[in-house]
Amino acid sequence: MTRGRARDTEVCGVTAAIAVIDGKWKTALLWLLESGPCRPGELRRQLPGLSEKVLTQALREMQADGLVHREVHDVLPPKTEYSLTAFGRELSDALGPVSDWGHRRLERLMGEQSAP
């Protein structure tokens, strides 16, 4: 799915939701930010394999979509924190049942693999 779909108003609701969480890292970032504000370095440490460039891009897109809030504290060195907005928390809550379904699917797959 292309980034342009995130602004397309002529799609179904499921497509509109998936457009803002599309990609490898956005759902993981939502999950981490549920526990409270985080600095970018904290997020990178918790997600091995996530580059600084991709993290910055994902957070910018999530901010543009109204999911996260970026706060820059006026200290030296500059300190930036990201947190979920109310809209982002709403999406995170909506994904809970999808996550539950995904866990049931994984259990089912594991059961199929262990069957003779």
PDB file of N, CA and C in Angstrom:
ATOM      1  N   MET A   1       0.859  -1.175   0.000  1.00  0.00           N
ATOM      2  CA  MET A   1       0.000   0.000   0.000  1.00  0.00           C
ATOM      3  C   MET A   1       0.899   1.228   0.000  1.00  0.00           C
ATOM      4  N   THR A   2       0.535   2.198  -0.772  1.00  0.00           N
ATOM      5  CA  THR A   2       1.369   3.394  -0.849  1.00  0.00           C
ATOM      6  C   THR A   2       0.964   4.403   0.215  1.00  0.00           C
ATOM      7  N   ARG A   3       1.899   5.281   0.525  1.00  0.00           N
ATOM      8  CA  ARG A   3       1.663   6.316   1.537  1.00  0.00           C
ATOM      9  C   ARG A   3       0.495   7.217   1.132  1.00  0.00           C
ATOM     10  N   GLY A   4       0.276   7.393  -0.158  1.00  0.00           N
ATOM     11  CA  GLY A   4      -0.810   8.236  -0.643  1.00  0.00           C
ATOM     12  C   GLY A   4      -2.183   7.765  -0.192  1.00  0.00           C
ATOM     13  N   ARG A   5      -2.333   6.484   0.076  1.00  0.00           N
ATOM     14  CA  ARG A   5      -3.626   5.948   0.503  1.00  0.00           C
ATOM     15  C   ARG A   5      -4.032   6.492   1.881  1.00  0.00           C
ATOM     16  N   ALA A   6      -3.070   6.964   2.658  1.00  0.00           N
ATOM     17  CA  ALA A   6      -3.379   7.475   3.989  1.00  0.00           C
ATOM     18  C   ALA A   6      -4.234   8.739   3.923  1.00  0.00           C
ATOM     19  N   ARG A   7      -4.224   9.432   2.801  1.00  0.00           N
ATOM     20  CA  ARG A   7      -5.007  10.662   2.635  1.00  0.00           C
ATOM     21  C   ARG A   7      -6.191  10.484   1.698  1.00  0.00           C
ATOM     22  N   ASP A   8      -6.374   9.269   1.174  1.00  0.00           N
ATOM     23  CA  ASP A   8      -7.456   8.984   0.236  1.00  0.00           C
ATOM     24  C   ASP A   8      -8.775   8.853   1.002  1.00  0.00           C
ATOM     25  N   THR A   9      -9.738   9.693   0.668  1.00  0.00           N
ATOM     26  CA  THR A   9     -11.035   9.648   1.357  1.00  0.00           C
ATOM     27  C   THR A   9     -12.034   8.740   0.655  1.00  0.00           C
ATOM     28  N   GLU A  10     -11.627   8.147  -0.460  1.00  0.00           N
ATOM     29  CA  GLU A  10     -12.526   7.295  -1.242  1.00  0.00           C
ATOM     30  C   GLU A  10     -12.207   5.814  -1.033  1.00  0.00           C
ATOM     31  N   VAL A  11     -11.927   5.415   0.199  1.00  0.00           N
ATOM     32  CA  VAL A  11     -11.627   4.019   0.508  1.00  0.00           C
ATOM     33  C   VAL A  11     -12.513   3.559   1.656  1.00  0.00           C
ATOM     34  N   CYS A  12     -12.573   2.256   1.857  1.00  0.00           N
ATOM     35  CA  CYS A  12     -13.351   1.738   2.986  1.00  0.00           C
ATOM     36  C   CYS A  12     -12.603   2.023   4.295  1.00  0.00           C
ATOM     37  N   GLY A  13     -13.302   1.905   5.396  1.00  0.00           N
ATOM     38  CA  GLY A  13     -12.726   2.210   6.704  1.00  0.00           C
ATOM     39  C   GLY A  13     -11.532   1.343   7.073  1.00  0.00           C
ATOM     40  N   VAL A  14     -11.579   0.064   6.718  1.00  0.00           N
ATOM     41  CA  VAL A  14     -10.465  -0.827   7.042  1.00  0.00           C
ATOM     42  C   VAL A  14      -9.217  -0.392   6.278  1.00  0.00           C
ATOM     43  N   THR A  15      -9.379  -0.051   5.007  1.00  0.00           N
ATOM     44  CA  THR A  15      -8.247   0.414   4.204  1.00  0.00           C
ATOM     45  C   THR A  15      -7.696   1.715   4.772  1.00  0.00           C
ATOM     46  N   ALA A  16      -8.566   2.604   5.223  1.00  0.00           N
ATOM     47  CA  ALA A  16      -8.125   3.876   5.807  1.00  0.00           C
ATOM     48  C   ALA A  16      -7.312   3.638   7.073  1.00  0.00           C
ATOM     49  N   ALA A  17      -7.721   2.660   7.878  1.00  0.00           N
ATOM     50  CA  ALA A  17      -6.982   2.350   9.105  1.00  0.00           C
ATOM     51  C   ALA A  17      -5.643   1.698   8.784  1.00  0.00           C
ATOM     52  N   ILE A  18      -5.648   0.743   7.870  1.00  0.00           N
ATOM     53  CA  ILE A  18      -4.418   0.038   7.518  1.00  0.00           C
ATOM     54  C   ILE A  18      -3.406   0.995   6.884  1.00  0.00           C
ATOM     55  N   ALA A  19      -3.880   1.981   6.158  1.00  0.00           N
ATOM     56  CA  ALA A  19      -2.986   2.928   5.499  1.00  0.00           C
ATOM     57  C   ALA A  19      -2.101   3.667   6.496  1.00  0.00           C
ATOM     58  N   VAL A  20      -2.592   3.930   7.697  1.00  0.00           N
ATOM     59  CA  VAL A  20      -1.781   4.683   8.666  1.00  0.00           C
ATOM     60  C   VAL A  20      -0.901   3.780   9.524  1.00  0.00           C
ATOM     61  N   ILE A  21      -1.112   2.471   9.485  1.00  0.00           N
ATOM     62  CA  ILE A  21      -0.244   1.559  10.241  1.00  0.00           C
ATOM     63  C   ILE A  21       0.559   0.651   9.325  1.00  0.00           C
ATOM     64  N   ASP A  22       0.470   0.905   8.024  1.00  0.00           N
ATOM     65  CA  ASP A  22       1.183   0.093   7.046  1.00  0.00           C
ATOM     66  C   ASP A  22       2.688   0.234   7.248  1.00  0.00           C
ATOM     67  N   GLY A  23       3.384  -0.847   7.114  1.00  0.00           N
ATOM     68  CA  GLY A  23       4.825  -0.835   7.267  1.00  0.00           C
ATOM     69  C   GLY A  23       5.246  -1.764   8.392  1.00  0.00           C
ATOM     70  N   LYS A  24       6.528  -2.009   8.456  1.00  0.00           N
ATOM     71  CA  LYS A  24       7.072  -2.992   9.399  1.00  0.00           C
ATOM     72  C   LYS A  24       7.049  -2.519  10.845  1.00  0.00           C
ATOM     73  N   TRP A  25       7.182  -1.225  11.100  1.00  0.00           N
ATOM     74  CA  TRP A  25       7.461  -0.744  12.448  1.00  0.00           C
ATOM     75  C   TRP A  25       6.329   0.008  13.138  1.00  0.00           C
ATOM     76  N   LYS A  26       5.340   0.486  12.427  1.00  0.00           N
ATOM     77  CA  LYS A  26       4.353   1.382  13.042  1.00  0.00           C
ATOM     78  C   LYS A  26       3.524   0.707  14.135  1.00  0.00           C
ATOM     79  N   THR A  27       3.129  -0.535  13.946  1.00  0.00           N
ATOM     80  CA  THR A  27       2.344  -1.184  15.001  1.00  0.00           C
ATOM     81  C   THR A  27       3.207  -1.411  16.239  1.00  0.00           C
ATOM     82  N   ALA A  28       4.482  -1.746  16.043  1.00  0.00           N
ATOM     83  CA  ALA A  28       5.384  -1.915  17.182  1.00  0.00           C
ATOM     84  C   ALA A  28       5.584  -0.584  17.906  1.00  0.00           C
ATOM     85  N   LEU A  29       5.697   0.503  17.157  1.00  0.00           N
ATOM     86  CA  LEU A  29       5.840   1.823  17.775  1.00  0.00           C
ATOM     87  C   LEU A  29       4.587   2.199  18.561  1.00  0.00           C
ATOM     88  N   LEU A  30       3.420   1.919  17.998  1.00  0.00           N
ATOM     89  CA  LEU A  30       2.167   2.165  18.734  1.00  0.00           C
ATOM     90  C   LEU A  30       2.177   1.399  20.055  1.00  0.00           C
ATOM     91  N   TRP A  31       2.567   0.135  19.981  1.00  0.00           N
ATOM     92  CA  TRP A  31       2.585  -0.729  21.164  1.00  0.00           C
ATOM     93  C   TRP A  31       3.529  -0.177  22.226  1.00  0.00           C
ATOM     94  N   LEU A  32       4.732   0.252  21.816  1.00  0.00           N
ATOM     95  CA  LEU A  32       5.696   0.796  22.774  1.00  0.00           C
ATOM     96  C   LEU A  32       5.219   2.113  23.378  1.00  0.00           C
ATOM     97  N   LEU A  33       4.595   2.952  22.565  1.00  0.00           N
ATOM     98  CA  LEU A  33       4.151   4.254  23.056  1.00  0.00           C
ATOM     99  C   LEU A  33       2.908   4.162  23.940  1.00  0.00           C
ATOM    100  N   GLU A  34       2.245   3.008  23.948  1.00  0.00           N
ATOM    101  CA  GLU A  34       1.094   2.827  24.855  1.00  0.00           C
ATOM    102  C   GLU A  34       1.502   2.995  26.309  1.00  0.00           C
ATOM    103  N   SER A  35       2.739   2.636  26.635  1.00  0.00           N
ATOM    104  CA  SER A  35       3.189   2.689  28.025  1.00  0.00           C
ATOM    105  C   SER A  35       3.622   4.080  28.457  1.00  0.00           C
ATOM    106  N   GLY A  36       3.652   5.033  27.530  1.00  0.00           N
ATOM    107  CA  GLY A  36       3.994   6.398  27.898  1.00  0.00           C
ATOM    108  C   GLY A  36       5.001   7.005  26.937  1.00  0.00           C
ATOM    109  N   PRO A  37       5.327   8.276  27.156  1.00  0.00           N
ATOM    110  CA  PRO A  37       6.249   8.980  26.260  1.00  0.00           C
ATOM    111  C   PRO A  37       7.612   8.296  26.208  1.00  0.00           C
ATOM    112  N   CYS A  38       8.226   8.340  25.028  1.00  0.00           N
ATOM    113  CA  CYS A  38       9.550   7.748  24.833  1.00  0.00           C
ATOM    114  C   CYS A  38      10.400   8.663  23.975  1.00  0.00           C
ATOM    115  N   ARG A  39      11.679   8.628  24.256  1.00  0.00           N
ATOM    116  CA  ARG A  39      12.640   9.323  23.405  1.00  0.00           C
ATOM    117  C   ARG A  39      12.993   8.412  22.246  1.00  0.00           C
ATOM    118  N   PRO A  40      13.391   8.996  21.113  1.00  0.00           N
ATOM    119  CA  PRO A  40      13.716   8.165  19.943  1.00  0.00           C
ATOM    120  C   PRO A  40      14.765   7.094  20.227  1.00  0.00           C
ATOM    121  N   GLY A  41      15.768   7.418  21.013  1.00  0.00           N
ATOM    122  CA  GLY A  41      16.807   6.429  21.346  1.00  0.00           C
ATOM    123  C   GLY A  41      16.238   5.236  22.092  1.00  0.00           C
ATOM    124  N   GLU A  42      15.288   5.488  22.994  1.00  0.00           N
ATOM    125  CA  GLU A  42      14.637   4.393  23.725  1.00  0.00           C
ATOM    126  C   GLU A  42      13.893   3.474  22.767  1.00  0.00           C
ATOM    127  N   LEU A  43      13.191   4.087  21.815  1.00  0.00           N
ATOM    128  CA  LEU A  43      12.434   3.296  20.843  1.00  0.00           C
ATOM    129  C   LEU A  43      13.373   2.434  20.007  1.00  0.00           C
ATOM    130  N   ARG A  44      14.488   2.993  19.571  1.00  0.00           N
ATOM    131  CA  ARG A  44      15.452   2.225  18.763  1.00  0.00           C
ATOM    132  C   ARG A  44      16.048   1.075  19.552  1.00  0.00           C
ATOM    133  N   ARG A  45      16.348   1.294  20.820  1.00  0.00           N
ATOM    134  CA  ARG A  45      16.920   0.218  21.645  1.00  0.00           C
ATOM    135  C   ARG A  45      15.933  -0.937  21.810  1.00  0.00           C
ATOM    136  N   GLN A  46      14.662  -0.618  21.854  1.00  0.00           N
ATOM    137  CA  GLN A  46      13.652  -1.658  22.058  1.00  0.00           C
ATOM    138  C   GLN A  46      13.258  -2.366  20.765  1.00  0.00           C
ATOM    139  N   LEU A  47      13.693  -1.833  19.626  1.00  0.00           N
ATOM    140  CA  LEU A  47      13.365  -2.424  18.333  1.00  0.00           C
ATOM    141  C   LEU A  47      14.639  -2.656  17.522  1.00  0.00           C
ATOM    142  N   PRO A  48      15.375  -3.712  17.852  1.00  0.00           N
ATOM    143  CA  PRO A  48      16.608  -3.989  17.107  1.00  0.00           C
ATOM    144  C   PRO A  48      16.313  -4.123  15.610  1.00  0.00           C
ATOM    145  N   GLY A  49      17.177  -3.557  14.811  1.00  0.00           N
ATOM    146  CA  GLY A  49      16.997  -3.612  13.368  1.00  0.00           C
ATOM    147  C   GLY A  49      16.335  -2.368  12.801  1.00  0.00           C
ATOM    148  N   LEU A  50      15.804  -1.518  13.660  1.00  0.00           N
ATOM    149  CA  LEU A  50      15.166  -0.277  13.216  1.00  0.00           C
ATOM    150  C   LEU A  50      16.229   0.810  13.112  1.00  0.00           C
ATOM    151  N   SER A  51      16.437   1.317  11.912  1.00  0.00           N
ATOM    152  CA  SER A  51      17.444   2.365  11.720  1.00  0.00           C
ATOM    153  C   SER A  51      16.892   3.720  12.162  1.00  0.00           C
ATOM    154  N   GLU A  52      17.796   4.635  12.422  1.00  0.00           N
ATOM    155  CA  GLU A  52      17.387   5.981  12.830  1.00  0.00           C
ATOM    156  C   GLU A  52      16.564   6.651  11.735  1.00  0.00           C
ATOM    157  N   LYS A  53      16.973   6.455  10.475  1.00  0.00           N
ATOM    158  CA  LYS A  53      16.270   7.059   9.342  1.00  0.00           C
ATOM    159  C   LYS A  53      14.832   6.544   9.251  1.00  0.00           C
ATOM    160  N   VAL A  54      14.660   5.240   9.350  1.00  0.00           N
ATOM    161  CA  VAL A  54      13.323   4.653   9.238  1.00  0.00           C
ATOM    162  C   VAL A  54      12.474   5.041  10.447  1.00  0.00           C
ATOM    163  N   LEU A  55      13.078   5.084  11.635  1.00  0.00           N
ATOM    164  CA  LEU A  55      12.346   5.516  12.829  1.00  0.00           C
ATOM    165  C   LEU A  55      11.843   6.941  12.651  1.00  0.00           C
ATOM    166  N   THR A  56      12.710   7.832  12.206  1.00  0.00           N
ATOM    167  CA  THR A  56      12.326   9.234  12.009  1.00  0.00           C
ATOM    168  C   THR A  56      11.195   9.341  10.991  1.00  0.00           C
ATOM    169  N   GLN A  57      11.308   8.606   9.893  1.00  0.00           N
ATOM    170  CA  GLN A  57      10.272   8.643   8.859  1.00  0.00           C
ATOM    171  C   GLN A  57       8.940   8.127   9.397  1.00  0.00           C
ATOM    172  N   ALA A  58       8.965   7.007  10.110  1.00  0.00           N
ATOM    173  CA  ALA A  58       7.727   6.432  10.652  1.00  0.00           C
ATOM    174  C   ALA A  58       7.079   7.386  11.653  1.00  0.00           C
ATOM    175  N   LEU A  59       7.885   7.966  12.545  1.00  0.00           N
ATOM    176  CA  LEU A  59       7.332   8.892  13.541  1.00  0.00           C
ATOM    177  C   LEU A  59       6.763  10.143  12.884  1.00  0.00           C
ATOM    178  N   ARG A  60       7.414  10.641  11.852  1.00  0.00           N
ATOM    179  CA  ARG A  60       6.896  11.817  11.134  1.00  0.00           C
ATOM    180  C   ARG A  60       5.559  11.501  10.473  1.00  0.00           C
ATOM    181  N   GLU A  61       5.470  10.316   9.849  1.00  0.00           N
ATOM    182  CA  GLU A  61       4.210   9.925   9.219  1.00  0.00           C
ATOM    183  C   GLU A  61       3.116   9.753  10.267  1.00  0.00           C
ATOM    184  N   MET A  62       3.464   9.143  11.388  1.00  0.00           N
ATOM    185  CA  MET A  62       2.474   8.946  12.448  1.00  0.00           C
ATOM    186  C   MET A  62       2.041  10.281  13.041  1.00  0.00           C
ATOM    187  N   GLN A  63       2.966  11.225  13.121  1.00  0.00           N
ATOM    188  CA  GLN A  63       2.615  12.564  13.601  1.00  0.00           C
ATOM    189  C   GLN A  63       1.694  13.252  12.597  1.00  0.00           C
ATOM    190  N   ALA A  64       2.007  13.138  11.312  1.00  0.00           N
ATOM    191  CA  ALA A  64       1.177  13.754  10.274  1.00  0.00           C
ATOM    192  C   ALA A  64      -0.232  13.148  10.267  1.00  0.00           C
ATOM    193  N   ASP A  65      -0.348  11.879  10.636  1.00  0.00           N
ATOM    194  CA  ASP A  65      -1.645  11.206  10.687  1.00  0.00           C
ATOM    195  C   ASP A  65      -2.376  11.432  12.014  1.00  0.00           C
ATOM    196  N   GLY A  66      -1.762  12.190  12.918  1.00  0.00           N
ATOM    197  CA  GLY A  66      -2.408  12.524  14.183  1.00  0.00           C
ATOM    198  C   GLY A  66      -2.335  11.436  15.237  1.00  0.00           C
ATOM    199  N   LEU A  67      -1.420  10.476  15.057  1.00  0.00           N
ATOM    200  CA  LEU A  67      -1.318   9.363  16.007  1.00  0.00           C
ATOM    201  C   LEU A  67      -0.362   9.647  17.152  1.00  0.00           C
ATOM    202  N   VAL A  68       0.696  10.403  16.876  1.00  0.00           N
ATOM    203  CA  VAL A  68       1.683  10.700  17.912  1.00  0.00           C
ATOM    204  C   VAL A  68       1.901  12.207  18.031  1.00  0.00           C
ATOM    205  N   HIS A  69       2.330  12.586  19.213  1.00  0.00           N
ATOM    206  CA  HIS A  69       2.666  13.980  19.505  1.00  0.00           C
ATOM    207  C   HIS A  69       4.171  14.047  19.735  1.00  0.00           C
ATOM    208  N   ARG A  70       4.808  15.017  19.124  1.00  0.00           N
ATOM    209  CA  ARG A  70       6.253  15.238  19.288  1.00  0.00           C
ATOM    210  C   ARG A  70       6.451  16.449  20.168  1.00  0.00           C
ATOM    211  N   GLU A  71       7.183  16.259  21.240  1.00  0.00           N
ATOM    212  CA  GLU A  71       7.452  17.377  22.146  1.00  0.00           C
ATOM    213  C   GLU A  71       8.953  17.570  22.274  1.00  0.00           C
ATOM    214  N   VAL A  72       9.397  18.790  21.986  1.00  0.00           N
ATOM    215  CA  VAL A  72      10.814  19.127  22.101  1.00  0.00           C
ATOM    216  C   VAL A  72      10.972  19.971  23.358  1.00  0.00           C
ATOM    217  N   HIS A  73      11.784  19.486  24.299  1.00  0.00           N
ATOM    218  CA  HIS A  73      12.029  20.204  25.550  1.00  0.00           C
ATOM    219  C   HIS A  73      13.198  21.174  25.342  1.00  0.00           C
ATOM    220  N   ASP A  74      13.062  22.355  25.886  1.00  0.00           N
ATOM    221  CA  ASP A  74      14.058  23.409  25.714  1.00  0.00           C
ATOM    222  C   ASP A  74      15.184  23.252  26.733  1.00  0.00           C
ATOM    223  N   VAL A  75      16.015  22.231  26.505  1.00  0.00           N
ATOM    224  CA  VAL A  75      17.176  21.980  27.359  1.00  0.00           C
ATOM    225  C   VAL A  75      18.367  21.700  26.452  1.00  0.00           C
ATOM    226  N   LEU A  76      19.552  21.722  27.028  1.00  0.00           N
ATOM    227  CA  LEU A  76      20.756  21.371  26.275  1.00  0.00           C
ATOM    228  C   LEU A  76      21.321  20.087  26.847  1.00  0.00           C
ATOM    229  N   PRO A  77      21.573  19.095  26.065  1.00  0.00           N
ATOM    230  CA  PRO A  77      21.218  18.989  24.653  1.00  0.00           C
ATOM    231  C   PRO A  77      19.707  18.855  24.488  1.00  0.00           C
ATOM    232  N   PRO A  78      19.188  19.161  23.293  1.00  0.00           N
ATOM    233  CA  PRO A  78      17.738  19.088  23.073  1.00  0.00           C
ATOM    234  C   PRO A  78      17.197  17.691  23.384  1.00  0.00           C
ATOM    235  N   LYS A  79      16.036  17.664  23.970  1.00  0.00           N
ATOM    236  CA  LYS A  79      15.398  16.399  24.336  1.00  0.00           C
ATOM    237  C   LYS A  79      14.044  16.334  23.636  1.00  0.00           C
ATOM    238  N   THR A  80      13.832  15.277  22.865  1.00  0.00           N
ATOM    239  CA  THR A  80      12.583  15.086  22.138  1.00  0.00           C
ATOM    240  C   THR A  80      11.897  13.841  22.654  1.00  0.00           C
ATOM    241  N   GLU A  81      10.598  13.936  22.884  1.00  0.00           N
ATOM    242  CA  GLU A  81       9.804  12.789  23.313  1.00  0.00           C
ATOM    243  C   GLU A  81       8.592  12.645  22.411  1.00  0.00           C
ATOM    244  N   TYR A  82       8.208  11.407  22.203  1.00  0.00           N
ATOM    245  CA  TYR A  82       7.007  11.098  21.434  1.00  0.00           C
ATOM    246  C   TYR A  82       6.016  10.405  22.352  1.00  0.00           C
ATOM    247  N   SER A  83       4.738  10.729  22.157  1.00  0.00           N
ATOM    248  CA  SER A  83       3.679  10.089  22.938  1.00  0.00           C
ATOM    249  C   SER A  83       2.466   9.912  22.034  1.00  0.00           C
ATOM    250  N   LEU A  84       1.595   9.010  22.438  1.00  0.00           N
ATOM    251  CA  LEU A  84       0.365   8.810  21.675  1.00  0.00           C
ATOM    252  C   LEU A  84      -0.596   9.960  21.915  1.00  0.00           C
ATOM    253  N   THR A  85      -1.266  10.375  20.875  1.00  0.00           N
ATOM    254  CA  THR A  85      -2.363  11.331  21.010  1.00  0.00           C
ATOM    255  C   THR A  85      -3.606  10.536  21.407  1.00  0.00           C
ATOM    256  N   ALA A  86      -4.682  11.216  21.713  1.00  0.00           N
ATOM    257  CA  ALA A  86      -5.942  10.519  22.004  1.00  0.00           C
ATOM    258  C   ALA A  86      -6.381   9.705  20.785  1.00  0.00           C
ATOM    259  N   PHE A  87      -6.152  10.248  19.598  1.00  0.00           N
ATOM    260  CA  PHE A  87      -6.505   9.555  18.354  1.00  0.00           C
ATOM    261  C   PHE A  87      -5.647   8.298  18.180  1.00  0.00           C
ATOM    262  N   GLY A  88      -4.366   8.403  18.519  1.00  0.00           N
ATOM    263  CA  GLY A  88      -3.464   7.257  18.450  1.00  0.00           C
ATOM    264  C   GLY A  88      -3.829   6.190  19.461  1.00  0.00           C
ATOM    265  N   ARG A  89      -4.218   6.614  20.663  1.00  0.00           N
ATOM    266  CA  ARG A  89      -4.637   5.661  21.700  1.00  0.00           C
ATOM    267  C   ARG A  89      -5.918   4.946  21.263  1.00  0.00           C
ATOM    268  N   GLU A  90      -6.803   5.686  20.614  1.00  0.00           N
ATOM    269  CA  GLU A  90      -8.045   5.093  20.094  1.00  0.00           C
ATOM    270  C   GLU A  90      -7.727   4.002  19.064  1.00  0.00           C
ATOM    271  N   LEU A  91      -6.779   4.281  18.179  1.00  0.00           N
ATOM    272  CA  LEU A  91      -6.378   3.275  17.193  1.00  0.00           C
ATOM    273  C   LEU A  91      -5.745   2.080  17.889  1.00  0.00           C
ATOM    274  N   SER A  92      -4.901   2.332  18.860  1.00  0.00           N
ATOM    275  CA  SER A  92      -4.258   1.252  19.595  1.00  0.00           C
ATOM    276  C   SER A  92      -5.290   0.358  20.277  1.00  0.00           C
ATOM    277  N   ASP A  93      -6.300   0.972  20.871  1.00  0.00           N
ATOM    278  CA  ASP A  93      -7.379   0.207  21.505  1.00  0.00           C
ATOM    279  C   ASP A  93      -8.153  -0.617  20.472  1.00  0.00           C
ATOM    280  N   ALA A  94      -8.370  -0.025  19.301  1.00  0.00           N
ATOM    281  CA  ALA A  94      -9.103  -0.730  18.243  1.00  0.00           C
ATOM    282  C   ALA A  94      -8.314  -1.927  17.723  1.00  0.00           C
ATOM    283  N   LEU A  95      -6.987  -1.849  17.785  1.00  0.00           N
ATOM    284  CA  LEU A  95      -6.152  -2.951  17.299  1.00  0.00           C
ATOM    285  C   LEU A  95      -6.059  -4.104  18.293  1.00  0.00           C
ATOM    286  N   GLY A  96      -6.505  -3.893  19.522  1.00  0.00           N
ATOM    287  CA  GLY A  96      -6.462  -4.953  20.535  1.00  0.00           C
ATOM    288  C   GLY A  96      -7.115  -6.248  20.068  1.00  0.00           C
ATOM    289  N   PRO A  97      -8.366  -6.214  19.594  1.00  0.00           N
ATOM    290  CA  PRO A  97      -8.994  -7.449  19.111  1.00  0.00           C
ATOM    291  C   PRO A  97      -8.276  -8.052  17.906  1.00  0.00           C
ATOM    292  N   VAL A  98      -7.687  -7.226  17.058  1.00  0.00           N
ATOM    293  CA  VAL A  98      -6.924  -7.745  15.921  1.00  0.00           C
ATOM    294  C   VAL A  98      -5.688  -8.491  16.432  1.00  0.00           C
ATOM    295  N   SER A  99      -5.051  -7.931  17.453  1.00  0.00           N
ATOM    296  CA  SER A  99      -3.901  -8.587  18.063  1.00  0.00           C
ATOM    297  C   SER A  99      -4.302  -9.931  18.678  1.00  0.00           C
ATOM    298  N   ASP A 100      -5.430  -9.949  19.363  1.00  0.00           N
ATOM    299  CA  ASP A 100      -5.915 -11.208  19.951  1.00  0.00           C
ATOM    300  C   ASP A 100      -6.140 -12.254  18.865  1.00  0.00           C
ATOM    301  N   TRP A 101      -6.751 -11.842  17.757  1.00  0.00           N
ATOM    302  CA  TRP A 101      -6.983 -12.747  16.634  1.00  0.00           C
ATOM    303  C   TRP A 101      -5.651 -13.261  16.087  1.00  0.00           C
ATOM    304  N   GLY A 102      -4.670 -12.363  15.970  1.00  0.00           N
ATOM    305  CA  GLY A 102      -3.351 -12.745  15.472  1.00  0.00           C
ATOM    306  C   GLY A 102      -2.685 -13.780  16.355  1.00  0.00           C
ATOM    307  N   HIS A 103      -2.816 -13.629  17.679  1.00  0.00           N
ATOM    308  CA  HIS A 103      -2.247 -14.620  18.597  1.00  0.00           C
ATOM    309  C   HIS A 103      -2.935 -15.976  18.431  1.00  0.00           C
ATOM    310  N   ARG A 104      -4.254 -15.959  18.264  1.00  0.00           N
ATOM    311  CA  ARG A 104      -4.970 -17.226  18.034  1.00  0.00           C
ATOM    312  C   ARG A 104      -4.511 -17.869  16.729  1.00  0.00           C
ATOM    313  N   ARG A 105      -4.272 -17.070  15.703  1.00  0.00           N
ATOM    314  CA  ARG A 105      -3.781 -17.592  14.435  1.00  0.00           C
ATOM    315  C   ARG A 105      -2.409 -18.226  14.606  1.00  0.00           C
ATOM    316  N   LEU A 106      -1.520 -17.560  15.337  1.00  0.00           N
ATOM    317  CA  LEU A 106      -0.184 -18.108  15.567  1.00  0.00           C
ATOM    318  C   LEU A 106      -0.251 -19.429  16.322  1.00  0.00           C
ATOM    319  N   GLU A 107      -1.117 -19.509  17.330  1.00  0.00           N
ATOM    320  CA  GLU A 107      -1.289 -20.767  18.068  1.00  0.00           C
ATOM    321  C   GLU A 107      -1.781 -21.871  17.136  1.00  0.00           C
ATOM    322  N   ARG A 108      -2.680 -21.517  16.247  1.00  0.00           N
ATOM    323  CA  ARG A 108      -3.226 -22.483  15.288  1.00  0.00           C
ATOM    324  C   ARG A 108      -2.117 -22.976  14.349  1.00  0.00           C
ATOM    325  N   LEU A 109      -1.287 -22.043  13.863  1.00  0.00           N
ATOM    326  CA  LEU A 109      -0.189 -22.421  12.997  1.00  0.00           C
ATOM    327  C   LEU A 109       0.796 -23.332  13.716  1.00  0.00           C
ATOM    328  N   MET A 110       1.077 -23.027  14.969  1.00  0.00           N
ATOM    329  CA  MET A 110       1.995 -23.841  15.751  1.00  0.00           C
ATOM    330  C   MET A 110       1.424 -25.249  15.960  1.00  0.00           C
ATOM    331  N   GLY A 111       0.118 -25.330  16.166  1.00  0.00           N
ATOM    332  CA  GLY A 111      -0.548 -26.625  16.310  1.00  0.00           C
ATOM    333  C   GLY A 111      -0.470 -27.443  15.035  1.00  0.00           C
ATOM    334  N   GLU A 112      -0.596 -26.777  13.895  1.00  0.00           N
ATOM    335  CA  GLU A 112      -0.499 -27.459  12.609  1.00  0.00           C
ATOM    336  C   GLU A 112       0.917 -27.977  12.358  1.00  0.00           C
ATOM    337  N   GLN A 113       1.912 -27.222  12.796  1.00  0.00           N
ATOM    338  CA  GLN A 113       3.307 -27.616  12.581  1.00  0.00           C
ATOM    339  C   GLN A 113       3.697 -28.805  13.448  1.00  0.00           C
ATOM    340  N   SER A 114       3.116 -28.886  14.648  1.00  0.00           N
ATOM    341  CA  SER A 114       3.483 -29.985  15.549  1.00  0.00           C
ATOM    342  C   SER A 114       2.665 -31.244  15.295  1.00  0.00           C
ATOM    343  N   ALA A 115       1.598 -31.157  14.491  1.00  0.00           N
ATOM    344  CA  ALA A 115       0.793 -32.345  14.168  1.00  0.00           C
ATOM    345  C   ALA A 115       1.557 -33.229  13.198  1.00  0.00           C
ATOM    346  N   PRO A 116       1.440 -34.565  13.360  1.00  0.00           N
ATOM    347  CA  PRO A 116       2.180 -35.489  12.482  1.00  0.00           C
ATOM    348  C   PRO A 116       1.678 -35.483  11.065  1.00  0.00           C
TER     349      PRO A 116
END
